[in-house]
Amino acid sequence: MLTRQVGRQRAEAILKQQTPQAVHFPNHTSYREHDKFAMQDAQQMLDRGVLIRSPAGSTPRVIAPLGVHVTSSKKRTIYDGRYINLWQRYEPFRYETLMEVANWAQPGDYLWTTDFTASYHHIPVAPEFWTYLGCRLPAGTVCCFTHLPVWGVIRLQDIH
């Protein structure tokens, strides 16, 4: 995804950095194909405050692709956070070894579990990290998520 957008040489340089570098990705084809749904869903997110328009003269550092996932029962807007996830520190554990958390947990770390059926936009993100959660609506409006946009959790405290 990154190499396609910026080329191999720049991608290699970006990945050596401590934080995600400025990259603006185009939306997925599914987002353009379902633009009416995409705009309605975006308006609902704007109304709820989980998505805000970027202030004039300000562009998020990362504009990630949006898409639409279609199932037989509904459509969902998806935020493709694979790029910023490259800077995520992953600490695997199994629930049966939860007692061992004290061995690897660091001050400021968070633990969570997710409900993949209804876990959108429940975790607020500190304003200084909104710049990593940029997106572009079908009409071209640039926005930032103020709450985590998808099921997974992005360890934003590790990329500051």
Protein backbone atom coordinates (compact mmCIF):
# COMPACT_ATOMS: atom_id res chain seq x y z
CA MET A 1 0.00 0.00 0.00
CA LEU A 2 2.72 2.49 0.98
CA THR A 3 5.10 1.50 -1.81
CA ARG A 4 2.33 1.91 -4.40
CA GLN A 5 1.60 5.40 -3.09
CA VAL A 6 5.11 6.84 -2.63
CA GLY A 7 7.53 4.46 -4.36
CA ARG A 8 9.95 1.92 -2.92
CA GLN A 9 12.79 4.29 -2.02
CA ARG A 10 10.60 6.78 -0.15
CA ALA A 11 8.66 3.95 1.55
CA GLU A 12 11.91 2.49 2.92
CA ALA A 13 12.93 5.91 4.26
CA ILE A 14 9.50 6.50 5.83
CA LEU A 15 9.52 3.17 7.62
CA LYS A 16 12.82 4.03 9.33
CA GLN A 17 11.25 7.04 11.07
CA GLN A 18 10.04 7.09 14.68
CA THR A 19 6.53 8.35 13.76
CA PRO A 20 4.28 8.05 10.71
CA GLN A 21 5.34 10.54 8.06
CA ALA A 22 2.96 12.64 5.99
CA VAL A 23 1.20 10.46 3.42
CA HIS A 24 -2.17 10.96 1.74
CA PHE A 25 -3.76 7.78 0.40
CA PRO A 26 -6.70 7.67 -2.03
CA ASN A 27 -9.96 6.09 -0.90
CA HIS A 28 -10.77 2.51 -1.85
CA THR A 29 -12.92 1.88 -4.91
CA SER A 30 -15.74 0.63 -2.66
CA TYR A 31 -15.98 4.09 -1.07
CA ARG A 32 -16.48 5.73 -4.46
CA GLU A 33 -18.94 3.03 -5.56
CA HIS A 34 -21.09 3.63 -2.47
CA ASP A 35 -20.67 7.40 -2.29
CA LYS A 36 -24.30 8.12 -1.33
CA PHE A 37 -24.04 5.79 1.68
CA ALA A 38 -20.54 7.12 2.43
CA MET A 39 -21.76 10.72 2.62
CA GLN A 40 -24.77 9.81 4.78
CA ASP A 41 -22.58 7.83 7.16
CA ALA A 42 -19.97 10.60 7.26
CA GLN A 43 -22.68 13.15 8.09
CA GLN A 44 -23.86 10.98 10.98
CA MET A 45 -20.28 10.75 12.28
CA LEU A 46 -19.87 14.53 11.93
CA ASP A 47 -23.15 15.07 13.80
CA ARG A 48 -21.98 12.80 16.64
CA GLY A 49 -18.57 14.51 16.79
CA VAL A 50 -16.53 11.37 16.15
CA LEU A 51 -15.40 12.95 12.87
CA ILE A 52 -14.52 16.64 12.45
CA ARG A 53 -13.71 18.73 9.41
CA SER A 54 -10.07 19.74 9.25
CA PRO A 55 -9.64 23.42 10.10
CA ALA A 56 -8.99 25.70 7.12
CA GLY A 57 -5.30 25.74 6.25
CA SER A 58 -4.63 22.58 8.24
CA THR A 59 -4.13 19.16 6.73
CA PRO A 60 -3.79 15.96 8.75
CA ARG A 61 -0.37 14.35 8.63
CA VAL A 62 -1.92 11.06 7.46
CA ILE A 63 -4.97 10.78 5.24
CA ALA A 64 -5.86 7.10 5.24
CA PRO A 65 -8.15 5.38 2.76
CA LEU A 66 -11.80 4.87 3.53
CA GLY A 67 -13.87 2.03 2.11
CA VAL A 68 -17.30 0.49 2.44
CA HIS A 69 -17.72 -3.08 3.64
CA VAL A 70 -20.95 -4.58 2.36
CA THR A 71 -22.67 -7.57 3.95
CA SER A 72 -26.08 -9.02 3.22
CA SER A 73 -27.59 -7.02 6.07
CA LYS A 74 -25.74 -3.69 6.08
CA LYS A 75 -22.97 -1.42 4.86
CA ARG A 76 -20.19 -0.08 7.07
CA THR A 77 -17.59 2.57 6.48
CA ILE A 78 -14.12 1.21 7.12
CA TYR A 79 -10.97 3.18 7.92
CA ASP A 80 -7.85 1.53 6.55
CA GLY A 81 -5.31 2.16 9.32
CA ARG A 82 -2.68 -0.27 8.06
CA TYR A 83 -0.17 2.52 7.47
CA ILE A 84 -0.21 3.96 11.00
CA ASN A 85 -0.41 0.45 12.42
CA LEU A 86 3.14 -0.06 11.15
CA TRP A 87 4.22 2.02 14.17
CA GLN A 88 2.08 0.07 16.61
CA ARG A 89 3.79 -1.93 19.33
CA TYR A 90 2.08 -5.28 19.58
CA GLU A 91 2.23 -7.20 22.84
CA PRO A 92 0.62 -10.60 22.29
CA PHE A 93 -0.91 -12.46 25.21
CA ARG A 94 -3.44 -15.18 25.81
CA TYR A 95 -6.25 -14.70 28.27
CA GLU A 96 -5.12 -17.73 30.25
CA THR A 97 -1.82 -15.96 30.94
CA LEU A 98 -3.37 -12.65 31.95
CA MET A 99 -1.74 -12.99 35.38
CA GLU A 100 1.58 -12.39 33.63
CA VAL A 101 0.60 -8.91 32.43
CA ALA A 102 2.64 -7.37 35.25
CA ASN A 103 5.77 -8.89 33.66
CA TRP A 104 5.47 -6.88 30.46
CA ALA A 105 3.08 -3.97 31.14
CA GLN A 106 4.66 -0.52 31.25
CA PRO A 107 3.35 2.64 32.95
CA GLY A 108 0.82 4.28 30.65
CA ASP A 109 -0.07 1.06 28.82
CA TYR A 110 -3.71 0.18 28.27
CA LEU A 111 -5.51 -3.14 28.09
CA TRP A 112 -8.78 -3.66 26.31
CA THR A 113 -11.04 -6.17 24.71
CA THR A 114 -13.24 -5.57 21.72
CA ASP A 115 -16.71 -6.53 20.63
CA PHE A 116 -16.42 -6.84 16.87
CA THR A 117 -20.17 -6.52 16.37
CA ALA A 118 -20.59 -2.96 17.71
CA SER A 119 -17.34 -1.33 18.71
CA TYR A 120 -17.16 1.69 16.45
CA HIS A 121 -16.21 5.12 17.77
CA HIS A 122 -16.25 4.38 21.49
CA ILE A 123 -12.69 5.30 22.45
CA PRO A 124 -11.83 9.02 22.30
CA VAL A 125 -8.42 10.01 20.97
CA ALA A 126 -6.35 12.88 22.40
CA PRO A 127 -6.46 15.89 20.01
CA GLU A 128 -2.70 15.81 19.36
CA PHE A 129 -3.16 12.43 17.64
CA TRP A 130 -6.06 13.39 15.38
CA THR A 131 -3.52 14.34 12.70
CA TYR A 132 -2.77 10.62 12.27
CA LEU A 133 -6.46 9.79 11.74
CA GLY A 134 -7.23 11.90 8.69
CA CYS A 135 -9.55 10.90 5.84
CA ARG A 136 -11.13 12.38 2.74
CA LEU A 137 -14.89 12.29 2.12
CA PRO A 138 -16.33 11.65 -1.36
CA ALA A 139 -16.81 15.39 -1.97
CA GLY A 140 -13.12 16.00 -1.11
CA THR A 141 -13.64 17.37 2.40
CA VAL A 142 -10.70 16.46 4.63
CA CYS A 143 -11.62 15.31 8.13
CA CYS A 144 -10.08 13.73 11.23
CA PHE A 145 -11.48 11.08 13.51
CA THR A 146 -11.70 12.14 17.16
CA HIS A 147 -12.52 8.59 18.28
CA LEU A 148 -10.97 5.33 17.12
CA PRO A 149 -12.65 4.65 13.79
CA VAL A 150 -12.58 0.84 13.67
CA TRP A 151 -12.62 -2.34 15.72
CA GLY A 152 -8.91 -2.40 16.45
CA VAL A 153 -7.08 -0.11 18.79
CA ILE A 154 -4.16 1.99 17.63
CA ARG A 155 -1.49 2.64 20.28
CA LEU A 156 -1.20 6.34 19.55
CA GLN A 157 0.77 7.03 22.72
CA ASP A 158 3.65 5.08 21.20
CA ILE A 159 3.97 7.30 18.12
CA HIS A 160 4.23 10.71 19.74
